[in-house]
Amino acid sequence: MTKFFRTFLLFTSVSALVAGCSEPHSDLRAWMEQQGRDQYGKIDPIPPFQAYEPFEYNAYDLQDPFFPRKVGRATDDPKAPKPRPSQPLEAYPLESLTMVGTLSKEGVIYALIRVPNREIYQVGVGNYMGQNYGKIISISETEIQLNELVQDGAGDWSDRANSLRLVESDSK
């Protein structure tokens, strides 16, 4: 081997050895330390502790704010619903009931109503359905007419007309 090649090999070996012994990224660490001087945040002191004061509820004998009624008025409203046994379709909101058909027995039309759990009920004029005391007043081939009793924010009962229409089947 030539003397030049040996010198070159020795020089590169020593350079690699020296470079491997130095700390990696020392220049980056020095720059970060210099930039981070005097950059400390300020932490506010902890606020003083306030003792818990329990609240005593003394309104047991007052009117329930979630029960709709008029203050200072008797509950003998003539339009208020009369107590009676509830019917199965009164457990469902009217929006969840579906009219799926009609049938006729001895000239009287009855409607077929499907509830959310897919059961079918047969109803006639005078039956109740929906959660607003909806009484069926007429049934046609395509529609059920109801008279509902609803209570307003002041506690007054009033009549409201509503209807349930036949749903056409999409299985054509």
C-alpha atoms as a PDB file:
ATOM      1  CA  MET A   1       0.000   0.000   0.000  1.00  0.00           C
ATOM      2  CA  THR A   2       1.130   3.419  -0.652  1.00  0.00           C
ATOM      3  CA  LYS A   3       2.089   5.875   1.968  1.00  0.00           C
ATOM      4  CA  PHE A   4      -0.621   8.275   0.859  1.00  0.00           C
ATOM      5  CA  PHE A   5      -3.301   5.613   1.198  1.00  0.00           C
ATOM      6  CA  ARG A   6      -2.104   4.674   4.719  1.00  0.00           C
ATOM      7  CA  THR A   7      -2.102   8.299   5.802  1.00  0.00           C
ATOM      8  CA  PHE A   8      -5.573   8.807   4.392  1.00  0.00           C
ATOM      9  CA  LEU A   9      -6.862   5.672   6.127  1.00  0.00           C
ATOM     10  CA  LEU A  10      -5.332   6.713   9.451  1.00  0.00           C
ATOM     11  CA  PHE A  11      -6.754  10.253   9.163  1.00  0.00           C
ATOM     12  CA  THR A  12     -10.317   9.075   8.408  1.00  0.00           C
ATOM     13  CA  SER A  13     -10.175   6.500  11.237  1.00  0.00           C
ATOM     14  CA  VAL A  14      -9.086   9.102  13.776  1.00  0.00           C
ATOM     15  CA  SER A  15     -11.723  11.573  12.487  1.00  0.00           C
ATOM     16  CA  ALA A  16     -14.496   9.005  12.821  1.00  0.00           C
ATOM     17  CA  LEU A  17     -13.296   8.087  16.305  1.00  0.00           C
ATOM     18  CA  VAL A  18     -13.262  11.723  17.446  1.00  0.00           C
ATOM     19  CA  ALA A  19     -16.634  12.437  15.878  1.00  0.00           C
ATOM     20  CA  GLY A  20     -18.187   9.411  17.613  1.00  0.00           C
ATOM     21  CA  CYS A  21     -16.977  10.519  21.043  1.00  0.00           C
ATOM     22  CA  SER A  22     -18.602  13.950  20.932  1.00  0.00           C
ATOM     23  CA  GLU A  23     -22.093  14.519  22.402  1.00  0.00           C
ATOM     24  CA  PRO A  24     -24.837  14.394  19.742  1.00  0.00           C
ATOM     25  CA  HIS A  25     -26.756  17.611  19.103  1.00  0.00           C
ATOM     26  CA  SER A  26     -24.648  19.625  21.537  1.00  0.00           C
ATOM     27  CA  ASP A  27     -25.031  22.768  19.448  1.00  0.00           C
ATOM     28  CA  LEU A  28     -28.830  22.360  19.449  1.00  0.00           C
ATOM     29  CA  ARG A  29     -28.883  21.846  23.224  1.00  0.00           C
ATOM     30  CA  ALA A  30     -26.764  24.964  23.767  1.00  0.00           C
ATOM     31  CA  TRP A  31     -29.097  27.052  21.589  1.00  0.00           C
ATOM     32  CA  MET A  32     -32.191  25.755  23.454  1.00  0.00           C
ATOM     33  CA  GLU A  33     -30.625  26.603  26.821  1.00  0.00           C
ATOM     34  CA  GLN A  34     -29.803  30.112  25.646  1.00  0.00           C
ATOM     35  CA  GLN A  35     -33.317  30.676  24.274  1.00  0.00           C
ATOM     36  CA  GLY A  36     -34.982  29.284  27.395  1.00  0.00           C
ATOM     37  CA  ARG A  37     -33.254  31.663  29.836  1.00  0.00           C
ATOM     38  CA  ASP A  38     -35.656  34.053  31.576  1.00  0.00           C
ATOM     39  CA  GLN A  39     -38.693  32.383  29.995  1.00  0.00           C
ATOM     40  CA  TYR A  40     -40.347  31.160  33.153  1.00  0.00           C
ATOM     41  CA  GLY A  41     -44.140  31.467  33.466  1.00  0.00           C
ATOM     42  CA  LYS A  42     -45.910  33.125  36.349  1.00  0.00           C
ATOM     43  CA  ILE A  43     -48.267  31.002  38.403  1.00  0.00           C
ATOM     44  CA  ASP A  44     -51.013  32.774  40.319  1.00  0.00           C
ATOM     45  CA  PRO A  45     -51.322  31.941  43.992  1.00  0.00           C
ATOM     46  CA  ILE A  46     -53.942  29.420  45.067  1.00  0.00           C
ATOM     47  CA  PRO A  47     -57.226  31.177  45.949  1.00  0.00           C
ATOM     48  CA  PRO A  48     -58.300  31.003  49.587  1.00  0.00           C
ATOM     49  CA  PHE A  49     -60.496  28.064  50.532  1.00  0.00           C
ATOM     50  CA  GLN A  50     -64.170  28.881  51.059  1.00  0.00           C
ATOM     51  CA  ALA A  51     -66.080  26.691  53.448  1.00  0.00           C
ATOM     52  CA  TYR A  52     -69.107  24.813  52.089  1.00  0.00           C
ATOM     53  CA  GLU A  53     -72.435  26.124  53.319  1.00  0.00           C
ATOM     54  CA  PRO A  54     -75.201  23.484  53.048  1.00  0.00           C
ATOM     55  CA  PHE A  55     -78.586  24.514  51.644  1.00  0.00           C
ATOM     56  CA  GLU A  56     -81.675  23.475  53.544  1.00  0.00           C
ATOM     57  CA  TYR A  57     -84.745  22.814  51.362  1.00  0.00           C
ATOM     58  CA  ASN A  58     -87.867  24.040  53.158  1.00  0.00           C
ATOM     59  CA  ALA A  59     -90.418  24.064  50.318  1.00  0.00           C
ATOM     60  CA  TYR A  60     -92.052  20.698  50.956  1.00  0.00           C
ATOM     61  CA  ASP A  61     -95.471  22.238  51.538  1.00  0.00           C
ATOM     62  CA  LEU A  62     -95.355  24.548  48.476  1.00  0.00           C
ATOM     63  CA  GLN A  63     -96.870  23.797  45.066  1.00  0.00           C
ATOM     64  CA  ASP A  64     -94.846  21.520  42.784  1.00  0.00           C
ATOM     65  CA  PRO A  65     -93.511  23.752  39.960  1.00  0.00           C
ATOM     66  CA  PHE A  66     -93.626  20.851  37.500  1.00  0.00           C
ATOM     67  CA  PHE A  67     -97.315  20.118  38.032  1.00  0.00           C
ATOM     68  CA  PRO A  68     -99.342  22.300  35.633  1.00  0.00           C
ATOM     69  CA  ARG A  69    -102.201  24.019  37.436  1.00  0.00           C
ATOM     70  CA  LYS A  70    -103.375  27.496  38.230  1.00  0.00           C
ATOM     71  CA  VAL A  71    -102.472  29.053  41.534  1.00  0.00           C
ATOM     72  CA  GLY A  72    -105.418  29.782  43.808  1.00  0.00           C
ATOM     73  CA  ARG A  73    -107.974  28.067  41.579  1.00  0.00           C
ATOM     74  CA  ALA A  74    -110.028  24.977  42.297  1.00  0.00           C
ATOM     75  CA  THR A  75    -109.423  21.887  40.162  1.00  0.00           C
ATOM     76  CA  ASP A  76    -113.111  21.573  39.217  1.00  0.00           C
ATOM     77  CA  ASP A  77    -112.539  22.619  35.597  1.00  0.00           C
ATOM     78  CA  PRO A  78    -115.482  21.238  33.585  1.00  0.00           C
ATOM     79  CA  LYS A  79    -113.205  20.388  30.645  1.00  0.00           C
ATOM     80  CA  ALA A  80    -110.700  18.467  32.772  1.00  0.00           C
ATOM     81  CA  PRO A  81    -110.532  14.750  31.906  1.00  0.00           C
ATOM     82  CA  LYS A  82    -112.712  12.562  34.078  1.00  0.00           C
ATOM     83  CA  PRO A  83    -111.142   9.578  35.838  1.00  0.00           C
ATOM     84  CA  ARG A  84    -111.647   6.354  33.881  1.00  0.00           C
ATOM     85  CA  PRO A  85    -109.680   3.181  33.148  1.00  0.00           C
ATOM     86  CA  SER A  86    -106.996   3.864  30.549  1.00  0.00           C
ATOM     87  CA  GLN A  87    -106.945   2.000  27.233  1.00  0.00           C
ATOM     88  CA  PRO A  88    -103.854   0.305  25.707  1.00  0.00           C
ATOM     89  CA  LEU A  89    -103.215   2.900  22.984  1.00  0.00           C
ATOM     90  CA  GLU A  90    -103.073   5.742  25.529  1.00  0.00           C
ATOM     91  CA  ALA A  91     -99.626   4.522  26.575  1.00  0.00           C
ATOM     92  CA  TYR A  92     -98.120   5.709  23.247  1.00  0.00           C
ATOM     93  CA  PRO A  93     -97.651   9.206  21.841  1.00  0.00           C
ATOM     94  CA  LEU A  94     -99.961   9.799  18.879  1.00  0.00           C
ATOM     95  CA  GLU A  95     -96.924  10.401  16.619  1.00  0.00           C
ATOM     96  CA  SER A  96     -95.703   6.849  17.229  1.00  0.00           C
ATOM     97  CA  LEU A  97     -99.008   5.215  16.194  1.00  0.00           C
ATOM     98  CA  THR A  98     -99.662   4.270  12.569  1.00  0.00           C
ATOM     99  CA  MET A  99    -103.001   3.650  10.871  1.00  0.00           C
ATOM    100  CA  VAL A 100    -102.455   0.622   8.629  1.00  0.00           C
ATOM    101  CA  GLY A 101    -105.971  -0.185   7.466  1.00  0.00           C
ATOM    102  CA  THR A 102    -109.682  -0.443   8.168  1.00  0.00           C
ATOM    103  CA  LEU A 103    -112.243  -3.186   8.374  1.00  0.00           C
ATOM    104  CA  SER A 104    -115.998  -3.173   8.483  1.00  0.00           C
ATOM    105  CA  LYS A 105    -118.253  -5.329  10.672  1.00  0.00           C
ATOM    106  CA  GLU A 106    -122.002  -5.064  10.207  1.00  0.00           C
ATOM    107  CA  GLY A 107    -121.705  -1.609   8.651  1.00  0.00           C
ATOM    108  CA  VAL A 108    -119.435  -0.210  11.373  1.00  0.00           C
ATOM    109  CA  ILE A 109    -115.902   0.838  10.352  1.00  0.00           C
ATOM    110  CA  TYR A 110    -112.990  -0.015  12.628  1.00  0.00           C
ATOM    111  CA  ALA A 111    -109.402   1.159  12.189  1.00  0.00           C
ATOM    112  CA  LEU A 112    -106.267  -0.976  12.518  1.00  0.00           C
ATOM    113  CA  ILE A 113    -103.471   0.736  14.444  1.00  0.00           C
ATOM    114  CA  ARG A 114     -99.837  -0.423  14.633  1.00  0.00           C
ATOM    115  CA  VAL A 115     -97.835   0.481  17.752  1.00  0.00           C
ATOM    116  CA  PRO A 116     -94.001   0.810  17.853  1.00  0.00           C
ATOM    117  CA  ASN A 117     -93.477  -2.833  18.870  1.00  0.00           C
ATOM    118  CA  ARG A 118     -95.317  -3.880  15.638  1.00  0.00           C
ATOM    119  CA  GLU A 119     -98.528  -5.110  17.354  1.00  0.00           C
ATOM    120  CA  ILE A 120    -101.839  -4.297  15.659  1.00  0.00           C
ATOM    121  CA  TYR A 121    -104.875  -2.985  17.581  1.00  0.00           C
ATOM    122  CA  GLN A 122    -108.460  -2.575  16.410  1.00  0.00           C
ATOM    123  CA  VAL A 123    -110.195   0.657  17.472  1.00  0.00           C
ATOM    124  CA  GLY A 124    -113.621   2.130  16.962  1.00  0.00           C
ATOM    125  CA  VAL A 125    -115.443   5.394  17.537  1.00  0.00           C
ATOM    126  CA  GLY A 126    -115.371   6.235  21.245  1.00  0.00           C
ATOM    127  CA  ASN A 127    -112.011   4.564  21.942  1.00  0.00           C
ATOM    128  CA  TYR A 128    -109.088   6.608  23.274  1.00  0.00           C
ATOM    129  CA  MET A 129    -105.544   6.815  21.889  1.00  0.00           C
ATOM    130  CA  GLY A 130    -102.473   8.991  22.387  1.00  0.00           C
ATOM    131  CA  GLN A 131    -101.230  10.623  25.555  1.00  0.00           C
ATOM    132  CA  ASN A 132    -103.460  13.717  25.338  1.00  0.00           C
ATOM    133  CA  TYR A 133    -106.770  11.963  26.146  1.00  0.00           C
ATOM    134  CA  GLY A 134    -107.530  11.655  22.416  1.00  0.00           C
ATOM    135  CA  LYS A 135    -111.069  10.328  21.867  1.00  0.00           C
ATOM    136  CA  ILE A 136    -111.890   8.940  18.428  1.00  0.00           C
ATOM    137  CA  ILE A 137    -114.873  10.837  17.028  1.00  0.00           C
ATOM    138  CA  SER A 138    -114.954   9.436  13.463  1.00  0.00           C
ATOM    139  CA  ILE A 139    -113.248   6.857  11.261  1.00  0.00           C
ATOM    140  CA  SER A 140    -113.158   6.901   7.460  1.00  0.00           C
ATOM    141  CA  GLU A 141    -111.341   4.644   5.002  1.00  0.00           C
ATOM    142  CA  THR A 142    -108.261   6.881   5.091  1.00  0.00           C
ATOM    143  CA  GLU A 143    -108.350   8.844   8.341  1.00  0.00           C
ATOM    144  CA  ILE A 144    -109.177   8.834  12.057  1.00  0.00           C
ATOM    145  CA  GLN A 145    -110.477  12.071  13.592  1.00  0.00           C
ATOM    146  CA  LEU A 146    -109.676  12.649  17.275  1.00  0.00           C
ATOM    147  CA  ASN A 147    -110.628  15.195  19.889  1.00  0.00           C
ATOM    148  CA  GLU A 148    -107.784  15.713  22.372  1.00  0.00           C
ATOM    149  CA  LEU A 149    -107.771  17.469  25.758  1.00  0.00           C
ATOM    150  CA  VAL A 150    -104.633  19.482  26.372  1.00  0.00           C
ATOM    151  CA  GLN A 151    -103.605  21.644  29.303  1.00  0.00           C
ATOM    152  CA  ASP A 152    -101.907  24.978  28.682  1.00  0.00           C
ATOM    153  CA  GLY A 153     -99.253  26.645  30.819  1.00  0.00           C
ATOM    154  CA  ALA A 154    -101.890  28.427  32.903  1.00  0.00           C
ATOM    155  CA  GLY A 155    -103.580  25.136  33.813  1.00  0.00           C
ATOM    156  CA  ASP A 156    -106.681  25.516  31.625  1.00  0.00           C
ATOM    157  CA  TRP A 157    -107.949  22.524  29.653  1.00  0.00           C
ATOM    158  CA  SER A 158    -108.968  22.969  26.032  1.00  0.00           C
ATOM    159  CA  ASP A 159    -110.098  20.812  23.114  1.00  0.00           C
ATOM    160  CA  ARG A 160    -107.817  20.237  20.125  1.00  0.00           C
ATOM    161  CA  ALA A 161    -108.706  18.447  16.899  1.00  0.00           C
ATOM    162  CA  ASN A 162    -106.166  15.988  15.552  1.00  0.00           C
ATOM    163  CA  SER A 163    -106.109  13.214  12.984  1.00  0.00           C
ATOM    164  CA  LEU A 164    -104.234  10.088  12.034  1.00  0.00           C
ATOM    165  CA  ARG A 165    -104.009   9.232   8.328  1.00  0.00           C
ATOM    166  CA  LEU A 166    -103.634   5.874   6.620  1.00  0.00           C
ATOM    167  CA  VAL A 167    -100.073   4.976   5.667  1.00  0.00           C
ATOM    168  CA  GLU A 168     -99.711   3.563   2.167  1.00  0.00           C
ATOM    169  CA  SER A 169     -97.594   0.411   1.866  1.00  0.00           C
ATOM    170  CA  ASP A 170     -94.383   0.645  -0.214  1.00  0.00           C
ATOM    171  CA  SER A 171     -94.374  -3.059  -1.128  1.00  0.00           C
ATOM    172  CA  LYS A 172     -95.640  -2.712  -4.730  1.00  0.00           C
END
